[in-house]
């Protein structure tokens, strides 16, 4: 598969794919006799992984570290796995925060008209409104640091 086909397959600019190769986010791509990149399935997996992990918030530096470890002759699988585990933990924390924000938005939308009506009718003052931060379903929950 050539660069244009890979770019279309993953909806990524060719420049991004080349940048990932240049900085070490993905291992070097094999080239044909004319110097054109020829992507194998393994390369496509690396590009897909890099794109997915970037979307999930993994830094370029962490991706480079992960790819470098993958190309190492040493036994570094535990270090690679730890990079993935750390990212999973971070995503789980972000997901929990997003779910809490979603719950708050849903609650505010559901109660909005009633709340505005009470304010307009003089039934609520600034000190009589609910304390959102104390409500059970909006309090920050303890999130496990690692998933095993």
C-alpha atoms as a PDB file:
ATOM      1  CA  UNK A   1       0.000   0.000   0.000  1.00  0.00           C
ATOM      2  CA  UNK A   2       1.380   3.454  -0.839  1.00  0.00           C
ATOM      3  CA  UNK A   3       1.252   6.696   1.152  1.00  0.00           C
ATOM      4  CA  UNK A   4      -1.814   8.059  -0.617  1.00  0.00           C
ATOM      5  CA  UNK A   5      -3.780   4.875   0.026  1.00  0.00           C
ATOM      6  CA  UNK A   6      -2.762   4.853   3.688  1.00  0.00           C
ATOM      7  CA  UNK A   7      -3.705   8.515   4.002  1.00  0.00           C
ATOM      8  CA  UNK A   8      -7.160   7.773   2.598  1.00  0.00           C
ATOM      9  CA  UNK A   9      -7.597   4.605   4.652  1.00  0.00           C
ATOM     10  CA  UNK A  10      -6.983   6.386   7.958  1.00  0.00           C
ATOM     11  CA  UNK A  11      -8.239   9.836   6.923  1.00  0.00           C
ATOM     12  CA  UNK A  12      -4.890  11.334   7.858  1.00  0.00           C
ATOM     13  CA  UNK A  13      -2.732  13.776   5.930  1.00  0.00           C
ATOM     14  CA  UNK A  14       0.319  12.186   4.334  1.00  0.00           C
ATOM     15  CA  UNK A  15       2.424  14.818   6.099  1.00  0.00           C
ATOM     16  CA  UNK A  16       1.192  13.559   9.489  1.00  0.00           C
ATOM     17  CA  UNK A  17       2.078   9.973   8.638  1.00  0.00           C
ATOM     18  CA  UNK A  18       5.540  11.051   7.475  1.00  0.00           C
ATOM     19  CA  UNK A  19       5.960  13.174  10.602  1.00  0.00           C
ATOM     20  CA  UNK A  20       5.069  10.167  12.771  1.00  0.00           C
ATOM     21  CA  UNK A  21       7.743   8.163  10.981  1.00  0.00           C
ATOM     22  CA  UNK A  22      10.323  10.971  11.159  1.00  0.00           C
ATOM     23  CA  UNK A  23       9.969  11.541  14.928  1.00  0.00           C
ATOM     24  CA  UNK A  24       9.680   7.836  15.760  1.00  0.00           C
ATOM     25  CA  UNK A  25       5.979   7.509  16.613  1.00  0.00           C
ATOM     26  CA  UNK A  26       5.877   4.647  14.105  1.00  0.00           C
ATOM     27  CA  UNK A  27       8.804   2.448  13.095  1.00  0.00           C
ATOM     28  CA  UNK A  28      10.596   3.222   9.801  1.00  0.00           C
ATOM     29  CA  UNK A  29       8.599   2.241   6.718  1.00  0.00           C
ATOM     30  CA  UNK A  30      10.163  -0.064   4.132  1.00  0.00           C
ATOM     31  CA  UNK A  31      10.864   1.565   0.779  1.00  0.00           C
ATOM     32  CA  UNK A  32      10.848   0.100  -2.700  1.00  0.00           C
ATOM     33  CA  UNK A  33      13.761   0.336  -5.167  1.00  0.00           C
ATOM     34  CA  UNK A  34      12.613   3.838  -6.183  1.00  0.00           C
ATOM     35  CA  UNK A  35      12.513   5.099  -2.586  1.00  0.00           C
ATOM     36  CA  UNK A  36       8.723   5.113  -2.259  1.00  0.00           C
ATOM     37  CA  UNK A  37       7.238   3.960   1.014  1.00  0.00           C
ATOM     38  CA  UNK A  38       5.528   0.580   0.925  1.00  0.00           C
ATOM     39  CA  UNK A  39       3.271   0.017   3.930  1.00  0.00           C
ATOM     40  CA  UNK A  40       2.806  -3.509   5.267  1.00  0.00           C
ATOM     41  CA  UNK A  41      -0.013  -4.598   7.598  1.00  0.00           C
ATOM     42  CA  UNK A  42       2.316  -4.152  10.557  1.00  0.00           C
ATOM     43  CA  UNK A  43       2.883  -0.516   9.527  1.00  0.00           C
ATOM     44  CA  UNK A  44      -0.855   0.017   9.167  1.00  0.00           C
ATOM     45  CA  UNK A  45      -1.361  -1.328  12.679  1.00  0.00           C
ATOM     46  CA  UNK A  46       1.221   1.130  14.002  1.00  0.00           C
ATOM     47  CA  UNK A  47      -0.454   4.049  12.223  1.00  0.00           C
ATOM     48  CA  UNK A  48      -3.886   3.007  13.475  1.00  0.00           C
ATOM     49  CA  UNK A  49      -2.533   2.619  17.026  1.00  0.00           C
ATOM     50  CA  UNK A  50      -0.788   5.992  16.897  1.00  0.00           C
ATOM     51  CA  UNK A  51      -3.880   7.754  15.567  1.00  0.00           C
ATOM     52  CA  UNK A  52      -6.140   6.101  18.158  1.00  0.00           C
ATOM     53  CA  UNK A  53      -3.826   6.793  21.083  1.00  0.00           C
ATOM     54  CA  UNK A  54      -3.350  10.422  19.994  1.00  0.00           C
ATOM     55  CA  UNK A  55      -7.127  10.843  19.904  1.00  0.00           C
ATOM     56  CA  UNK A  56      -7.201   9.397  23.414  1.00  0.00           C
ATOM     57  CA  UNK A  57      -4.715  12.010  24.590  1.00  0.00           C
ATOM     58  CA  UNK A  58      -1.395  10.156  24.560  1.00  0.00           C
ATOM     59  CA  UNK A  59       1.446  12.572  23.947  1.00  0.00           C
ATOM     60  CA  UNK A  60       3.808  12.358  20.993  1.00  0.00           C
ATOM     61  CA  UNK A  61       6.629  11.792  23.496  1.00  0.00           C
ATOM     62  CA  UNK A  62       4.846   8.773  25.006  1.00  0.00           C
ATOM     63  CA  UNK A  63       4.143   7.372  21.554  1.00  0.00           C
ATOM     64  CA  UNK A  64       7.796   7.763  20.604  1.00  0.00           C
ATOM     65  CA  UNK A  65       8.803   6.014  23.833  1.00  0.00           C
ATOM     66  CA  UNK A  66       6.338   3.189  23.122  1.00  0.00           C
ATOM     67  CA  UNK A  67       7.575   2.747  19.537  1.00  0.00           C
ATOM     68  CA  UNK A  68      11.223   2.931  20.611  1.00  0.00           C
ATOM     69  CA  UNK A  69      10.617   0.242  23.218  1.00  0.00           C
ATOM     70  CA  UNK A  70       8.924  -1.939  20.594  1.00  0.00           C
ATOM     71  CA  UNK A  71      12.035  -1.774  18.413  1.00  0.00           C
ATOM     72  CA  UNK A  72      14.403  -2.511  21.287  1.00  0.00           C
ATOM     73  CA  UNK A  73      16.198  -5.821  21.491  1.00  0.00           C
ATOM     74  CA  UNK A  74      15.850  -5.745  25.291  1.00  0.00           C
ATOM     75  CA  UNK A  75      12.924  -7.236  27.174  1.00  0.00           C
ATOM     76  CA  UNK A  76      10.857  -4.071  27.543  1.00  0.00           C
ATOM     77  CA  UNK A  77       7.356  -5.457  27.225  1.00  0.00           C
ATOM     78  CA  UNK A  78       6.511  -4.511  30.814  1.00  0.00           C
ATOM     79  CA  UNK A  79       7.519  -0.903  30.121  1.00  0.00           C
ATOM     80  CA  UNK A  80       5.367  -0.859  26.982  1.00  0.00           C
ATOM     81  CA  UNK A  81       2.440  -2.329  28.834  1.00  0.00           C
ATOM     82  CA  UNK A  82       2.850   0.257  31.595  1.00  0.00           C
ATOM     83  CA  UNK A  83       2.614   3.104  29.054  1.00  0.00           C
ATOM     84  CA  UNK A  84      -0.672   1.637  27.831  1.00  0.00           C
ATOM     85  CA  UNK A  85      -1.879   1.029  31.400  1.00  0.00           C
ATOM     86  CA  UNK A  86      -1.094   4.615  32.403  1.00  0.00           C
ATOM     87  CA  UNK A  87      -3.034   5.917  29.413  1.00  0.00           C
ATOM     88  CA  UNK A  88      -5.999   3.673  30.200  1.00  0.00           C
ATOM     89  CA  UNK A  89      -6.057   4.993  33.750  1.00  0.00           C
ATOM     90  CA  UNK A  90      -5.939   8.565  32.479  1.00  0.00           C
ATOM     91  CA  UNK A  91      -8.766   7.898  30.025  1.00  0.00           C
ATOM     92  CA  UNK A  92     -10.869   6.311  32.779  1.00  0.00           C
ATOM     93  CA  UNK A  93     -10.400   9.427  34.920  1.00  0.00           C
ATOM     94  CA  UNK A  94     -11.381  11.670  31.994  1.00  0.00           C
ATOM     95  CA  UNK A  95     -14.404   9.494  31.193  1.00  0.00           C
ATOM     96  CA  UNK A  96     -15.625   9.733  34.780  1.00  0.00           C
ATOM     97  CA  UNK A  97     -15.206  13.511  34.705  1.00  0.00           C
ATOM     98  CA  UNK A  98     -17.064  13.702  31.386  1.00  0.00           C
ATOM     99  CA  UNK A  99     -19.893  11.523  32.712  1.00  0.00           C
ATOM    100  CA  UNK A 100     -20.243  13.776  35.758  1.00  0.00           C
ATOM    101  CA  UNK A 101     -20.341  16.852  33.517  1.00  0.00           C
ATOM    102  CA  UNK A 102     -22.913  15.114  31.310  1.00  0.00           C
ATOM    103  CA  UNK A 103     -25.056  14.268  34.338  1.00  0.00           C
ATOM    104  CA  UNK A 104     -24.872  17.871  35.514  1.00  0.00           C
ATOM    105  CA  UNK A 105     -25.862  19.182  32.079  1.00  0.00           C
ATOM    106  CA  UNK A 106     -28.793  16.773  31.890  1.00  0.00           C
ATOM    107  CA  UNK A 107     -29.935  17.814  35.367  1.00  0.00           C
ATOM    108  CA  UNK A 108     -29.645  21.518  34.557  1.00  0.00           C
ATOM    109  CA  UNK A 109     -31.575  21.073  31.302  1.00  0.00           C
ATOM    110  CA  UNK A 110     -34.294  19.019  33.029  1.00  0.00           C
ATOM    111  CA  UNK A 111     -34.729  21.584  35.830  1.00  0.00           C
ATOM    112  CA  UNK A 112     -34.007  24.745  33.841  1.00  0.00           C
ATOM    113  CA  UNK A 113     -37.557  25.888  33.094  1.00  0.00           C
ATOM    114  CA  UNK A 114     -38.760  25.201  36.651  1.00  0.00           C
ATOM    115  CA  UNK A 115     -35.731  26.982  38.103  1.00  0.00           C
ATOM    116  CA  UNK A 116     -36.203  30.064  35.909  1.00  0.00           C
ATOM    117  CA  UNK A 117     -39.936  30.131  36.698  1.00  0.00           C
ATOM    118  CA  UNK A 118     -39.216  30.094  40.455  1.00  0.00           C
ATOM    119  CA  UNK A 119     -36.666  32.897  40.100  1.00  0.00           C
ATOM    120  CA  UNK A 120     -39.077  34.975  38.006  1.00  0.00           C
ATOM    121  CA  UNK A 121     -41.858  34.383  40.540  1.00  0.00           C
ATOM    122  CA  UNK A 122     -39.585  35.527  43.364  1.00  0.00           C
ATOM    123  CA  UNK A 123     -39.654  32.083  44.982  1.00  0.00           C
ATOM    124  CA  UNK A 124     -35.854  31.667  44.878  1.00  0.00           C
ATOM    125  CA  UNK A 125     -33.110  33.995  45.982  1.00  0.00           C
ATOM    126  CA  UNK A 126     -29.397  33.628  45.362  1.00  0.00           C
ATOM    127  CA  UNK A 127     -29.010  31.961  48.757  1.00  0.00           C
ATOM    128  CA  UNK A 128     -31.951  29.589  48.380  1.00  0.00           C
ATOM    129  CA  UNK A 129     -30.725  27.735  45.289  1.00  0.00           C
ATOM    130  CA  UNK A 130     -29.490  24.189  45.488  1.00  0.00           C
ATOM    131  CA  UNK A 131     -25.860  23.480  46.286  1.00  0.00           C
ATOM    132  CA  UNK A 132     -24.878  21.486  43.221  1.00  0.00           C
ATOM    133  CA  UNK A 133     -21.443  20.629  44.573  1.00  0.00           C
ATOM    134  CA  UNK A 134     -22.995  18.814  47.562  1.00  0.00           C
ATOM    135  CA  UNK A 135     -25.402  16.682  45.564  1.00  0.00           C
ATOM    136  CA  UNK A 136     -24.455  13.019  45.664  1.00  0.00           C
ATOM    137  CA  UNK A 137     -24.479  12.449  41.909  1.00  0.00           C
ATOM    138  CA  UNK A 138     -22.237  15.456  41.196  1.00  0.00           C
ATOM    139  CA  UNK A 139     -19.551  14.822  43.822  1.00  0.00           C
ATOM    140  CA  UNK A 140     -16.208  13.611  42.564  1.00  0.00           C
ATOM    141  CA  UNK A 141     -15.966   9.858  42.957  1.00  0.00           C
ATOM    142  CA  UNK A 142     -12.837   7.928  43.834  1.00  0.00           C
ATOM    143  CA  UNK A 143     -11.471   6.364  40.671  1.00  0.00           C
ATOM    144  CA  UNK A 144      -9.183   3.336  40.849  1.00  0.00           C
ATOM    145  CA  UNK A 145      -5.662   4.251  39.785  1.00  0.00           C
ATOM    146  CA  UNK A 146      -5.042   1.072  37.861  1.00  0.00           C
ATOM    147  CA  UNK A 147      -7.143  -1.457  36.045  1.00  0.00           C
ATOM    148  CA  UNK A 148      -5.847  -4.989  36.386  1.00  0.00           C
END
